[in-house]
Amino acid sequence: MRRGRRSQAGTVTAEVAILFPMLLATIMAGCWVAGVVISSIRCTDAARDVARAVARGETTATATSIGERAAPSGAQIEVTREGDDIHVVVRAVTEWPALPSVVPIEGRATVQAEPATEEQP
């Protein structure tokens, strides 16, 4: 019986040596995916904020500055109007630290401009 046990000596160490880096890589990938999802949500929220501000009558520059606070850093904000419709696209990229590739992220929002109200005395 002792001979069978001796042949398995160090097995746990070898298994841990293989599984630990794989577990660590899986956790890192999960955190990165969560970061991509959060950045996507931030782009969509920023697009909505900008669209609402423009619909209320704010200037495009003012609305864009509102969106820059909500968007991920380095995001680009594009505002276009088609009649009463206001279209906003917020684009950003997120990088994987270990790889030279980037993942493009985009958030969109479309709203109708609010009717202008005349001030009552």
PDB file of N, CA and C in Angstrom:
ATOM      1  N   MET A   1       0.806  -1.193   0.000  1.00  0.00           N
ATOM      2  CA  MET A   1       0.000   0.000   0.000  1.00  0.00           C
ATOM      3  C   MET A   1       0.852   1.262   0.000  1.00  0.00           C
ATOM      4  N   ARG A   2       1.926   1.228   0.658  1.00  0.00           N
ATOM      5  CA  ARG A   2       2.746   2.425   0.723  1.00  0.00           C
ATOM      6  C   ARG A   2       3.323   2.790  -0.634  1.00  0.00           C
ATOM      7  N   ARG A   3       3.576   1.833  -1.450  1.00  0.00           N
ATOM      8  CA  ARG A   3       4.134   2.129  -2.764  1.00  0.00           C
ATOM      9  C   ARG A   3       3.157   2.943  -3.604  1.00  0.00           C
ATOM     10  N   GLY A   4       1.856   2.659  -3.508  1.00  0.00           N
ATOM     11  CA  GLY A   4       0.847   3.418  -4.252  1.00  0.00           C
ATOM     12  C   GLY A   4       0.776   4.868  -3.794  1.00  0.00           C
ATOM     13  N   ARG A   5       0.943   5.069  -2.535  1.00  0.00           N
ATOM     14  CA  ARG A   5       0.889   6.436  -2.000  1.00  0.00           C
ATOM     15  C   ARG A   5       2.124   7.238  -2.402  1.00  0.00           C
ATOM     16  N   ARG A   6       3.250   6.592  -2.460  1.00  0.00           N
ATOM     17  CA  ARG A   6       4.468   7.307  -2.829  1.00  0.00           C
ATOM     18  C   ARG A   6       4.410   7.785  -4.277  1.00  0.00           C
ATOM     19  N   SER A   7       3.771   7.068  -5.122  1.00  0.00           N
ATOM     20  CA  SER A   7       3.707   7.482  -6.528  1.00  0.00           C
ATOM     21  C   SER A   7       2.813   8.703  -6.719  1.00  0.00           C
ATOM     22  N   GLN A   8       1.960   9.003  -5.740  1.00  0.00           N
ATOM     23  CA  GLN A   8       1.080  10.163  -5.838  1.00  0.00           C
ATOM     24  C   GLN A   8       1.626  11.368  -5.078  1.00  0.00           C
ATOM     25  N   ALA A   9       2.785  11.249  -4.511  1.00  0.00           N
ATOM     26  CA  ALA A   9       3.369  12.366  -3.765  1.00  0.00           C
ATOM     27  C   ALA A   9       3.610  13.541  -4.706  1.00  0.00           C
ATOM     28  N   GLY A  10       3.178  14.723  -4.295  1.00  0.00           N
ATOM     29  CA  GLY A  10       3.353  15.930  -5.108  1.00  0.00           C
ATOM     30  C   GLY A  10       2.250  16.170  -6.119  1.00  0.00           C
ATOM     31  N   THR A  11       1.271  15.297  -6.156  1.00  0.00           N
ATOM     32  CA  THR A  11       0.179  15.455  -7.119  1.00  0.00           C
ATOM     33  C   THR A  11      -0.613  16.726  -6.866  1.00  0.00           C
ATOM     34  N   VAL A  12      -0.897  17.002  -5.603  1.00  0.00           N
ATOM     35  CA  VAL A  12      -1.666  18.199  -5.262  1.00  0.00           C
ATOM     36  C   VAL A  12      -0.898  19.449  -5.660  1.00  0.00           C
ATOM     37  N   THR A  13       0.389  19.448  -5.436  1.00  0.00           N
ATOM     38  CA  THR A  13       1.209  20.600  -5.810  1.00  0.00           C
ATOM     39  C   THR A  13       1.159  20.829  -7.317  1.00  0.00           C
ATOM     40  N   ALA A  14       1.243  19.772  -8.075  1.00  0.00           N
ATOM     41  CA  ALA A  14       1.186  19.896  -9.531  1.00  0.00           C
ATOM     42  C   ALA A  14      -0.182  20.393  -9.988  1.00  0.00           C
ATOM     43  N   GLU A  15      -1.244  19.895  -9.370  1.00  0.00           N
ATOM     44  CA  GLU A  15      -2.590  20.335  -9.746  1.00  0.00           C
ATOM     45  C   GLU A  15      -2.788  21.813  -9.431  1.00  0.00           C
ATOM     46  N   VAL A  16      -2.327  22.237  -8.257  1.00  0.00           N
ATOM     47  CA  VAL A  16      -2.451  23.650  -7.880  1.00  0.00           C
ATOM     48  C   VAL A  16      -1.620  24.515  -8.817  1.00  0.00           C
ATOM     49  N   ALA A  17      -0.438  24.047  -9.173  1.00  0.00           N
ATOM     50  CA  ALA A  17       0.429  24.809 -10.071  1.00  0.00           C
ATOM     51  C   ALA A  17      -0.215  25.003 -11.442  1.00  0.00           C
ATOM     52  N   ILE A  18      -1.045  24.088 -11.860  1.00  0.00           N
ATOM     53  CA  ILE A  18      -1.730  24.214 -13.150  1.00  0.00           C
ATOM     54  C   ILE A  18      -3.031  24.995 -13.012  1.00  0.00           C
ATOM     55  N   LEU A  19      -3.800  24.708 -11.992  1.00  0.00           N
ATOM     56  CA  LEU A  19      -5.125  25.313 -11.858  1.00  0.00           C
ATOM     57  C   LEU A  19      -5.099  26.760 -11.373  1.00  0.00           C
ATOM     58  N   PHE A  20      -4.155  27.125 -10.527  1.00  0.00           N
ATOM     59  CA  PHE A  20      -4.138  28.480  -9.981  1.00  0.00           C
ATOM     60  C   PHE A  20      -3.990  29.548 -11.068  1.00  0.00           C
ATOM     61  N   PRO A  21      -3.035  29.419 -12.003  1.00  0.00           N
ATOM     62  CA  PRO A  21      -2.958  30.424 -13.073  1.00  0.00           C
ATOM     63  C   PRO A  21      -4.215  30.461 -13.948  1.00  0.00           C
ATOM     64  N   MET A  22      -4.820  29.299 -14.171  1.00  0.00           N
ATOM     65  CA  MET A  22      -6.048  29.268 -14.966  1.00  0.00           C
ATOM     66  C   MET A  22      -7.182  29.975 -14.229  1.00  0.00           C
ATOM     67  N   LEU A  23      -7.280  29.758 -12.931  1.00  0.00           N
ATOM     68  CA  LEU A  23      -8.296  30.426 -12.126  1.00  0.00           C
ATOM     69  C   LEU A  23      -8.066  31.930 -12.110  1.00  0.00           C
ATOM     70  N   LEU A  24      -6.829  32.339 -11.960  1.00  0.00           N
ATOM     71  CA  LEU A  24      -6.490  33.757 -11.957  1.00  0.00           C
ATOM     72  C   LEU A  24      -6.828  34.406 -13.300  1.00  0.00           C
ATOM     73  N   ALA A  25      -6.505  33.743 -14.400  1.00  0.00           N
ATOM     74  CA  ALA A  25      -6.827  34.274 -15.730  1.00  0.00           C
ATOM     75  C   ALA A  25      -8.337  34.380 -15.927  1.00  0.00           C
ATOM     76  N   THR A  26      -9.087  33.411 -15.422  1.00  0.00           N
ATOM     77  CA  THR A  26     -10.547  33.447 -15.531  1.00  0.00           C
ATOM     78  C   THR A  26     -11.123  34.608 -14.736  1.00  0.00           C
ATOM     79  N   ILE A  27     -10.601  34.836 -13.551  1.00  0.00           N
ATOM     80  CA  ILE A  27     -11.075  35.959 -12.733  1.00  0.00           C
ATOM     81  C   ILE A  27     -10.746  37.285 -13.412  1.00  0.00           C
ATOM     82  N   MET A  28      -9.536  37.405 -13.953  1.00  0.00           N
ATOM     83  CA  MET A  28      -9.153  38.640 -14.648  1.00  0.00           C
ATOM     84  C   MET A  28     -10.032  38.881 -15.869  1.00  0.00           C
ATOM     85  N   ALA A  29     -10.316  37.839 -16.631  1.00  0.00           N
ATOM     86  CA  ALA A  29     -11.179  37.985 -17.804  1.00  0.00           C
ATOM     87  C   ALA A  29     -12.589  38.390 -17.388  1.00  0.00           C
ATOM     88  N   GLY A  30     -13.085  37.816 -16.307  1.00  0.00           N
ATOM     89  CA  GLY A  30     -14.412  38.193 -15.808  1.00  0.00           C
ATOM     90  C   GLY A  30     -14.472  39.645 -15.381  1.00  0.00           C
ATOM     91  N   CYS A  31     -13.423  40.119 -14.720  1.00  0.00           N
ATOM     92  CA  CYS A  31     -13.373  41.536 -14.321  1.00  0.00           C
ATOM     93  C   CYS A  31     -13.322  42.438 -15.541  1.00  0.00           C
ATOM     94  N   TRP A  32     -12.574  42.041 -16.563  1.00  0.00           N
ATOM     95  CA  TRP A  32     -12.490  42.845 -17.781  1.00  0.00           C
ATOM     96  C   TRP A  32     -13.843  42.905 -18.481  1.00  0.00           C
ATOM     97  N   VAL A  33     -14.530  41.780 -18.579  1.00  0.00           N
ATOM     98  CA  VAL A  33     -15.860  41.757 -19.202  1.00  0.00           C
ATOM     99  C   VAL A  33     -16.819  42.641 -18.416  1.00  0.00           C
ATOM    100  N   ALA A  34     -16.749  42.593 -17.100  1.00  0.00           N
ATOM    101  CA  ALA A  34     -17.594  43.470 -16.278  1.00  0.00           C
ATOM    102  C   ALA A  34     -17.274  44.933 -16.564  1.00  0.00           C
ATOM    103  N   GLY A  35     -16.009  45.260 -16.744  1.00  0.00           N
ATOM    104  CA  GLY A  35     -15.620  46.626 -17.089  1.00  0.00           C
ATOM    105  C   GLY A  35     -16.162  47.059 -18.434  1.00  0.00           C
ATOM    106  N   VAL A  36     -16.157  46.157 -19.409  1.00  0.00           N
ATOM    107  CA  VAL A  36     -16.712  46.469 -20.730  1.00  0.00           C
ATOM    108  C   VAL A  36     -18.211  46.727 -20.624  1.00  0.00           C
ATOM    109  N   VAL A  37     -18.910  45.909 -19.865  1.00  0.00           N
ATOM    110  CA  VAL A  37     -20.360  46.087 -19.690  1.00  0.00           C
ATOM    111  C   VAL A  37     -20.649  47.418 -18.997  1.00  0.00           C
ATOM    112  N   ILE A  38     -19.884  47.741 -17.965  1.00  0.00           N
ATOM    113  CA  ILE A  38     -20.087  49.010 -17.257  1.00  0.00           C
ATOM    114  C   ILE A  38     -19.813  50.187 -18.184  1.00  0.00           C
ATOM    115  N   SER A  39     -18.766  50.109 -18.994  1.00  0.00           N
ATOM    116  CA  SER A  39     -18.474  51.181 -19.947  1.00  0.00           C
ATOM    117  C   SER A  39     -19.584  51.330 -20.974  1.00  0.00           C
ATOM    118  N   SER A  40     -20.152  50.226 -21.407  1.00  0.00           N
ATOM    119  CA  SER A  40     -21.270  50.274 -22.349  1.00  0.00           C
ATOM    120  C   SER A  40     -22.478  50.963 -21.728  1.00  0.00           C
ATOM    121  N   ILE A  41     -22.760  50.636 -20.487  1.00  0.00           N
ATOM    122  CA  ILE A  41     -23.879  51.278 -19.783  1.00  0.00           C
ATOM    123  C   ILE A  41     -23.609  52.772 -19.625  1.00  0.00           C
ATOM    124  N   ARG A  42     -22.371  53.133 -19.297  1.00  0.00           N
ATOM    125  CA  ARG A  42     -22.028  54.549 -19.150  1.00  0.00           C
ATOM    126  C   ARG A  42     -22.180  55.298 -20.469  1.00  0.00           C
ATOM    127  N   CYS A  43     -21.819  54.668 -21.596  1.00  0.00           N
ATOM    128  CA  CYS A  43     -21.993  55.307 -22.905  1.00  0.00           C
ATOM    129  C   CYS A  43     -23.471  55.546 -23.195  1.00  0.00           C
ATOM    130  N   THR A  44     -24.301  54.562 -22.914  1.00  0.00           N
ATOM    131  CA  THR A  44     -25.739  54.705 -23.147  1.00  0.00           C
ATOM    132  C   THR A  44     -26.332  55.775 -22.239  1.00  0.00           C
ATOM    133  N   ASP A  45     -25.941  55.793 -20.976  1.00  0.00           N
ATOM    134  CA  ASP A  45     -26.426  56.825 -20.056  1.00  0.00           C
ATOM    135  C   ASP A  45     -25.998  58.215 -20.504  1.00  0.00           C
ATOM    136  N   ALA A  46     -24.751  58.343 -20.946  1.00  0.00           N
ATOM    137  CA  ALA A  46     -24.265  59.638 -21.415  1.00  0.00           C
ATOM    138  C   ALA A  46     -25.034  60.088 -22.654  1.00  0.00           C
ATOM    139  N   ALA A  47     -25.315  59.158 -23.566  1.00  0.00           N
ATOM    140  CA  ALA A  47     -26.081  59.505 -24.767  1.00  0.00           C
ATOM    141  C   ALA A  47     -27.474  59.990 -24.388  1.00  0.00           C
ATOM    142  N   ARG A  48     -28.107  59.328 -23.437  1.00  0.00           N
ATOM    143  CA  ARG A  48     -29.435  59.770 -22.981  1.00  0.00           C
ATOM    144  C   ARG A  48     -29.379  61.147 -22.336  1.00  0.00           C
ATOM    145  N   ASP A  49     -28.369  61.374 -21.506  1.00  0.00           N
ATOM    146  CA  ASP A  49     -28.231  62.674 -20.843  1.00  0.00           C
ATOM    147  C   ASP A  49     -28.053  63.801 -21.856  1.00  0.00           C
ATOM    148  N   VAL A  50     -27.204  63.570 -22.846  1.00  0.00           N
ATOM    149  CA  VAL A  50     -26.972  64.587 -23.875  1.00  0.00           C
ATOM    150  C   VAL A  50     -28.241  64.819 -24.681  1.00  0.00           C
ATOM    151  N   ALA A  51     -28.911  63.750 -25.079  1.00  0.00           N
ATOM    152  CA  ALA A  51     -30.135  63.886 -25.875  1.00  0.00           C
ATOM    153  C   ALA A  51     -31.205  64.656 -25.109  1.00  0.00           C
ATOM    154  N   ARG A  52     -31.374  64.349 -23.833  1.00  0.00           N
ATOM    155  CA  ARG A  52     -32.369  65.072 -23.022  1.00  0.00           C
ATOM    156  C   ARG A  52     -32.022  66.548 -22.896  1.00  0.00           C
ATOM    157  N   ALA A  53     -30.741  66.841 -22.692  1.00  0.00           N
ATOM    158  CA  ALA A  53     -30.326  68.236 -22.545  1.00  0.00           C
ATOM    159  C   ALA A  53     -30.572  69.021 -23.830  1.00  0.00           C
ATOM    160  N   VAL A  54     -30.238  68.435 -24.974  1.00  0.00           N
ATOM    161  CA  VAL A  54     -30.480  69.115 -26.253  1.00  0.00           C
ATOM    162  C   VAL A  54     -31.974  69.260 -26.486  1.00  0.00           C
ATOM    163  N   ALA A  55     -32.749  68.251 -26.136  1.00  0.00           N
ATOM    164  CA  ALA A  55     -34.207  68.314 -26.319  1.00  0.00           C
ATOM    165  C   ALA A  55     -34.824  69.418 -25.474  1.00  0.00           C
ATOM    166  N   ARG A  56     -34.246  69.697 -24.314  1.00  0.00           N
ATOM    167  CA  ARG A  56     -34.753  70.766 -23.447  1.00  0.00           C
ATOM    168  C   ARG A  56     -34.379  72.147 -23.957  1.00  0.00           C
ATOM    169  N   GLY A  57     -33.441  72.214 -24.890  1.00  0.00           N
ATOM    170  CA  GLY A  57     -33.053  73.501 -25.439  1.00  0.00           C
ATOM    171  C   GLY A  57     -31.649  73.938 -25.090  1.00  0.00           C
ATOM    172  N   GLU A  58     -30.874  73.081 -24.425  1.00  0.00           N
ATOM    173  CA  GLU A  58     -29.480  73.417 -24.124  1.00  0.00           C
ATOM    174  C   GLU A  58     -28.675  73.440 -25.421  1.00  0.00           C
ATOM    175  N   THR A  59     -27.596  74.202 -25.426  1.00  0.00           N
ATOM    176  CA  THR A  59     -26.725  74.209 -26.597  1.00  0.00           C
ATOM    177  C   THR A  59     -26.013  72.860 -26.698  1.00  0.00           C
ATOM    178  N   THR A  60     -25.547  72.561 -27.892  1.00  0.00           N
ATOM    179  CA  THR A  60     -24.844  71.296 -28.090  1.00  0.00           C
ATOM    180  C   THR A  60     -23.580  71.237 -27.232  1.00  0.00           C
ATOM    181  N   ALA A  61     -22.882  72.359 -27.101  1.00  0.00           N
ATOM    182  CA  ALA A  61     -21.659  72.382 -26.290  1.00  0.00           C
ATOM    183  C   ALA A  61     -21.964  72.102 -24.819  1.00  0.00           C
ATOM    184  N   THR A  62     -23.028  72.710 -24.307  1.00  0.00           N
ATOM    185  CA  THR A  62     -23.408  72.480 -22.911  1.00  0.00           C
ATOM    186  C   THR A  62     -23.829  71.034 -22.704  1.00  0.00           C
ATOM    187  N   ALA A  63     -24.626  70.514 -23.620  1.00  0.00           N
ATOM    188  CA  ALA A  63     -25.091  69.130 -23.513  1.00  0.00           C
ATOM    189  C   ALA A  63     -23.923  68.154 -23.614  1.00  0.00           C
ATOM    190  N   THR A  64     -22.975  68.454 -24.488  1.00  0.00           N
ATOM    191  CA  THR A  64     -21.813  67.580 -24.638  1.00  0.00           C
ATOM    192  C   THR A  64     -20.978  67.558 -23.364  1.00  0.00           C
ATOM    193  N   SER A  65     -20.845  68.709 -22.712  1.00  0.00           N
ATOM    194  CA  SER A  65     -20.083  68.724 -21.453  1.00  0.00           C
ATOM    195  C   SER A  65     -20.789  67.902 -20.375  1.00  0.00           C
ATOM    196  N   ILE A  66     -22.122  67.887 -20.401  1.00  0.00           N
ATOM    197  CA  ILE A  66     -22.881  67.033 -19.479  1.00  0.00           C
ATOM    198  C   ILE A  66     -22.575  65.561 -19.771  1.00  0.00           C
ATOM    199  N   GLY A  67     -22.567  65.221 -21.044  1.00  0.00           N
ATOM    200  CA  GLY A  67     -22.288  63.842 -21.436  1.00  0.00           C
ATOM    201  C   GLY A  67     -20.875  63.398 -21.122  1.00  0.00           C
ATOM    202  N   GLU A  68     -19.917  64.314 -21.222  1.00  0.00           N
ATOM    203  CA  GLU A  68     -18.527  63.957 -20.935  1.00  0.00           C
ATOM    204  C   GLU A  68     -18.330  63.558 -19.479  1.00  0.00           C
ATOM    205  N   ARG A  69     -19.139  64.121 -18.592  1.00  0.00           N
ATOM    206  CA  ARG A  69     -19.039  63.742 -17.176  1.00  0.00           C
ATOM    207  C   ARG A  69     -19.555  62.325 -16.947  1.00  0.00           C
ATOM    208  N   ALA A  70     -20.542  61.900 -17.738  1.00  0.00           N
ATOM    209  CA  ALA A  70     -21.141  60.575 -17.546  1.00  0.00           C
ATOM    210  C   ALA A  70     -20.437  59.484 -18.350  1.00  0.00           C
ATOM    211  N   ALA A  71     -19.800  59.868 -19.452  1.00  0.00           N
ATOM    212  CA  ALA A  71     -19.187  58.889 -20.354  1.00  0.00           C
ATOM    213  C   ALA A  71     -17.826  58.432 -19.832  1.00  0.00           C
ATOM    214  N   PRO A  72     -17.350  57.288 -20.322  1.00  0.00           N
ATOM    215  CA  PRO A  72     -15.991  56.858 -19.972  1.00  0.00           C
ATOM    216  C   PRO A  72     -14.971  57.874 -20.493  1.00  0.00           C
ATOM    217  N   SER A  73     -13.808  57.920 -19.884  1.00  0.00           N
ATOM    218  CA  SER A  73     -12.801  58.889 -20.314  1.00  0.00           C
ATOM    219  C   SER A  73     -12.386  58.618 -21.758  1.00  0.00           C
ATOM    220  N   GLY A  74     -12.194  59.698 -22.493  1.00  0.00           N
ATOM    221  CA  GLY A  74     -11.798  59.589 -23.888  1.00  0.00           C
ATOM    222  C   GLY A  74     -12.937  59.318 -24.854  1.00  0.00           C
ATOM    223  N   ALA A  75     -14.166  59.346 -24.385  1.00  0.00           N
ATOM    224  CA  ALA A  75     -15.315  59.060 -25.254  1.00  0.00           C
ATOM    225  C   ALA A  75     -15.549  60.218 -26.224  1.00  0.00           C
ATOM    226  N   GLN A  76     -16.069  59.887 -27.385  1.00  0.00           N
ATOM    227  CA  GLN A  76     -16.430  60.885 -28.392  1.00  0.00           C
ATOM    228  C   GLN A  76     -17.944  60.964 -28.453  1.00  0.00           C
ATOM    229  N   ILE A  77     -18.459  62.194 -28.485  1.00  0.00           N
ATOM    230  CA  ILE A  77     -19.905  62.404 -28.489  1.00  0.00           C
ATOM    231  C   ILE A  77     -20.292  63.102 -29.783  1.00  0.00           C
ATOM    232  N   GLU A  78     -21.284  62.537 -30.459  1.00  0.00           N
ATOM    233  CA  GLU A  78     -21.763  63.078 -31.732  1.00  0.00           C
ATOM    234  C   GLU A  78     -23.258  63.360 -31.613  1.00  0.00           C
ATOM    235  N   VAL A  79     -23.653  64.600 -31.920  1.00  0.00           N
ATOM    236  CA  VAL A  79     -25.059  65.002 -31.842  1.00  0.00           C
ATOM    237  C   VAL A  79     -25.509  65.417 -33.236  1.00  0.00           C
ATOM    238  N   THR A  80     -26.614  64.834 -33.705  1.00  0.00           N
ATOM    239  CA  THR A  80     -27.195  65.228 -34.991  1.00  0.00           C
ATOM    240  C   THR A  80     -28.687  65.455 -34.816  1.00  0.00           C
ATOM    241  N   ARG A  81     -29.224  66.319 -35.668  1.00  0.00           N
ATOM    242  CA  ARG A  81     -30.667  66.605 -35.642  1.00  0.00           C
ATOM    243  C   ARG A  81     -31.249  66.290 -37.007  1.00  0.00           C
ATOM    244  N   GLU A  82     -32.409  65.672 -36.977  1.00  0.00           N
ATOM    245  CA  GLU A  82     -33.195  65.418 -38.186  1.00  0.00           C
ATOM    246  C   GLU A  82     -34.612  65.850 -37.879  1.00  0.00           C
ATOM    247  N   GLY A  83     -34.947  67.057 -38.253  1.00  0.00           N
ATOM    248  CA  GLY A  83     -36.268  67.579 -37.920  1.00  0.00           C
ATOM    249  C   GLY A  83     -36.386  67.752 -36.421  1.00  0.00           C
ATOM    250  N   ASP A  84     -37.396  67.128 -35.826  1.00  0.00           N
ATOM    251  CA  ASP A  84     -37.575  67.193 -34.377  1.00  0.00           C
ATOM    252  C   ASP A  84     -36.789  66.114 -33.635  1.00  0.00           C
ATOM    253  N   ASP A  85     -36.206  65.182 -34.356  1.00  0.00           N
ATOM    254  CA  ASP A  85     -35.463  64.091 -33.716  1.00  0.00           C
ATOM    255  C   ASP A  85     -34.020  64.500 -33.445  1.00  0.00           C
ATOM    256  N   ILE A  86     -33.571  64.164 -32.262  1.00  0.00           N
ATOM    257  CA  ILE A  86     -32.185  64.413 -31.864  1.00  0.00           C
ATOM    258  C   ILE A  86     -31.527  63.057 -31.657  1.00  0.00           C
ATOM    259  N   HIS A  87     -30.443  62.819 -32.393  1.00  0.00           N
ATOM    260  CA  HIS A  87     -29.717  61.549 -32.307  1.00  0.00           C
ATOM    261  C   HIS A  87     -28.362  61.810 -31.653  1.00  0.00           C
ATOM    262  N   VAL A  88     -28.037  61.007 -30.675  1.00  0.00           N
ATOM    263  CA  VAL A  88     -26.746  61.132 -29.988  1.00  0.00           C
ATOM    264  C   VAL A  88     -26.056  59.774 -29.997  1.00  0.00           C
ATOM    265  N   VAL A  89     -24.782  59.793 -30.356  1.00  0.00           N
ATOM    266  CA  VAL A  89     -23.961  58.584 -30.328  1.00  0.00           C
ATOM    267  C   VAL A  89     -22.735  58.886 -29.467  1.00  0.00           C
ATOM    268  N   VAL A  90     -22.478  58.031 -28.508  1.00  0.00           N
ATOM    269  CA  VAL A  90     -21.287  58.145 -27.663  1.00  0.00           C
ATOM    270  C   VAL A  90     -20.423  56.921 -27.940  1.00  0.00           C
ATOM    271  N   ARG A  91     -19.188  57.183 -28.377  1.00  0.00           N
ATOM    272  CA  ARG A  91     -18.268  56.089 -28.702  1.00  0.00           C
ATOM    273  C   ARG A  91     -17.055  56.135 -27.772  1.00  0.00           C
ATOM    274  N   ALA A  92     -16.644  54.965 -27.341  1.00  0.00           N
ATOM    275  CA  ALA A  92     -15.448  54.838 -26.504  1.00  0.00           C
ATOM    276  C   ALA A  92     -14.776  53.513 -26.843  1.00  0.00           C
ATOM    277  N   VAL A  93     -13.575  53.350 -26.372  1.00  0.00           N
ATOM    278  CA  VAL A  93     -12.876  52.070 -26.535  1.00  0.00           C
ATOM    279  C   VAL A  93     -12.391  51.621 -25.167  1.00  0.00           C
ATOM    280  N   THR A  94     -12.323  50.334 -25.002  1.00  0.00           N
ATOM    281  CA  THR A  94     -11.760  49.774 -23.777  1.00  0.00           C
ATOM    282  C   THR A  94     -10.668  48.803 -24.187  1.00  0.00           C
ATOM    283  N   GLU A  95      -9.601  48.804 -23.432  1.00  0.00           N
ATOM    284  CA  GLU A  95      -8.439  47.991 -23.786  1.00  0.00           C
ATOM    285  C   GLU A  95      -8.269  46.835 -22.808  1.00  0.00           C
ATOM    286  N   TRP A  96      -7.743  45.768 -23.314  1.00  0.00           N
ATOM    287  CA  TRP A  96      -7.330  44.646 -22.478  1.00  0.00           C
ATOM    288  C   TRP A  96      -5.862  44.895 -22.175  1.00  0.00           C
ATOM    289  N   PRO A  97      -5.492  45.035 -20.905  1.00  0.00           N
ATOM    290  CA  PRO A  97      -4.120  45.427 -20.568  1.00  0.00           C
ATOM    291  C   PRO A  97      -3.043  44.496 -21.127  1.00  0.00           C
ATOM    292  N   ALA A  98      -3.332  43.232 -21.274  1.00  0.00           N
ATOM    293  CA  ALA A  98      -2.307  42.284 -21.703  1.00  0.00           C
ATOM    294  C   ALA A  98      -2.224  42.133 -23.217  1.00  0.00           C
ATOM    295  N   LEU A  99      -3.177  42.676 -23.953  1.00  0.00           N
ATOM    296  CA  LEU A  99      -3.207  42.497 -25.400  1.00  0.00           C
ATOM    297  C   LEU A  99      -3.244  43.850 -26.104  1.00  0.00           C
ATOM    298  N   PRO A 100      -2.752  43.914 -27.338  1.00  0.00           N
ATOM    299  CA  PRO A 100      -2.747  45.189 -28.058  1.00  0.00           C
ATOM    300  C   PRO A 100      -4.088  45.534 -28.715  1.00  0.00           C
ATOM    301  N   SER A 101      -5.119  44.770 -28.479  1.00  0.00           N
ATOM    302  CA  SER A 101      -6.402  45.028 -29.135  1.00  0.00           C
ATOM    303  C   SER A 101      -7.299  45.902 -28.267  1.00  0.00           C
ATOM    304  N   VAL A 102      -8.270  46.537 -28.913  1.00  0.00           N
ATOM    305  CA  VAL A 102      -9.247  47.359 -28.206  1.00  0.00           C
ATOM    306  C   VAL A 102     -10.643  46.883 -28.582  1.00  0.00           C
ATOM    307  N   VAL A 103     -11.593  47.161 -27.710  1.00  0.00           N
ATOM    308  CA  VAL A 103     -12.983  46.805 -27.972  1.00  0.00           C
ATOM    309  C   VAL A 103     -13.773  48.101 -28.098  1.00  0.00           C
ATOM    310  N   PRO A 104     -14.365  48.362 -29.276  1.00  0.00           N
ATOM    311  CA  PRO A 104     -15.167  49.580 -29.414  1.00  0.00           C
ATOM    312  C   PRO A 104     -16.505  49.430 -28.693  1.00  0.00           C
ATOM    313  N   ILE A 105     -16.911  50.504 -28.027  1.00  0.00           N
ATOM    314  CA  ILE A 105     -18.175  50.524 -27.294  1.00  0.00           C
ATOM    315  C   ILE A 105     -18.970  51.708 -27.805  1.00  0.00           C
ATOM    316  N   GLU A 106     -20.277  51.528 -27.900  1.00  0.00           N
ATOM    317  CA  GLU A 106     -21.122  52.591 -28.436  1.00  0.00           C
ATOM    318  C   GLU A 106     -22.444  52.630 -27.688  1.00  0.00           C
ATOM    319  N   GLY A 107     -22.882  53.839 -27.383  1.00  0.00           N
ATOM    320  CA  GLY A 107     -24.196  54.043 -26.786  1.00  0.00           C
ATOM    321  C   GLY A 107     -24.972  55.020 -27.645  1.00  0.00           C
ATOM    322  N   ARG A 108     -26.247  54.761 -27.846  1.00  0.00           N
ATOM    323  CA  ARG A 108     -27.075  55.615 -28.705  1.00  0.00           C
ATOM    324  C   ARG A 108     -28.340  56.028 -27.984  1.00  0.00           C
ATOM    325  N   ALA A 109     -28.827  57.207 -28.348  1.00  0.00           N
ATOM    326  CA  ALA A 109     -30.112  57.675 -27.829  1.00  0.00           C
ATOM    327  C   ALA A 109     -30.750  58.572 -28.879  1.00  0.00           C
ATOM    328  N   THR A 110     -32.062  58.481 -28.989  1.00  0.00           N
ATOM    329  CA  THR A 110     -32.833  59.337 -29.885  1.00  0.00           C
ATOM    330  C   THR A 110     -34.043  59.839 -29.123  1.00  0.00           C
ATOM    331  N   VAL A 111     -34.237  61.151 -29.151  1.00  0.00           N
ATOM    332  CA  VAL A 111     -35.399  61.762 -28.503  1.00  0.00           C
ATOM    333  C   VAL A 111     -35.970  62.821 -29.432  1.00  0.00           C
ATOM    334  N   GLN A 112     -37.194  63.219 -29.146  1.00  0.00           N
ATOM    335  CA  GLN A 112     -37.800  64.322 -29.887  1.00  0.00           C
ATOM    336  C   GLN A 112     -37.588  65.605 -29.105  1.00  0.00           C
ATOM    337  N   ALA A 113     -37.330  66.677 -29.841  1.00  0.00           N
ATOM    338  CA  ALA A 113     -37.141  67.976 -29.202  1.00  0.00           C
ATOM    339  C   ALA A 113     -38.434  68.400 -28.529  1.00  0.00           C
ATOM    340  N   GLU A 114     -38.294  68.990 -27.358  1.00  0.00           N
ATOM    341  CA  GLU A 114     -39.474  69.481 -26.653  1.00  0.00           C
ATOM    342  C   GLU A 114     -39.943  70.769 -27.319  1.00  0.00           C
ATOM    343  N   PRO A 115     -41.251  70.972 -27.360  1.00  0.00           N
ATOM    344  CA  PRO A 115     -41.741  72.205 -27.978  1.00  0.00           C
ATOM    345  C   PRO A 115     -41.298  73.413 -27.163  1.00  0.00           C
ATOM    346  N   ALA A 116     -40.957  74.472 -27.875  1.00  0.00           N
ATOM    347  CA  ALA A 116     -40.542  75.701 -27.194  1.00  0.00           C
ATOM    348  C   ALA A 116     -41.748  76.311 -26.491  1.00  0.00           C
ATOM    349  N   THR A 117     -41.548  76.720 -25.267  1.00  0.00           N
ATOM    350  CA  THR A 117     -42.638  77.340 -24.512  1.00  0.00           C
ATOM    351  C   THR A 117     -42.399  78.832 -24.423  1.00  0.00           C
ATOM    352  N   GLU A 118     -43.459  79.577 -24.562  1.00  0.00           N
ATOM    353  CA  GLU A 118     -43.354  81.022 -24.440  1.00  0.00           C
ATOM    354  C   GLU A 118     -43.530  81.387 -22.982  1.00  0.00           C
ATOM    355  N   GLU A 119     -42.724  82.346 -22.533  1.00  0.00           N
ATOM    356  CA  GLU A 119     -42.809  82.752 -21.139  1.00  0.00           C
ATOM    357  C   GLU A 119     -44.059  83.582 -20.921  1.00  0.00           C
ATOM    358  N   GLN A 120     -44.778  83.285 -19.871  1.00  0.00           N
ATOM    359  CA  GLN A 120     -45.989  84.014 -19.506  1.00  0.00           C
ATOM    360  C   GLN A 120     -45.612  85.124 -18.524  1.00  0.00           C
ATOM    361  N   PRO A 121     -46.146  86.347 -18.681  1.00  0.00           N
ATOM    362  CA  PRO A 121     -45.816  87.412 -17.733  1.00  0.00           C
ATOM    363  C   PRO A 121     -46.464  87.201 -16.393  1.00  0.00           C
TER     364      PRO A 121
END
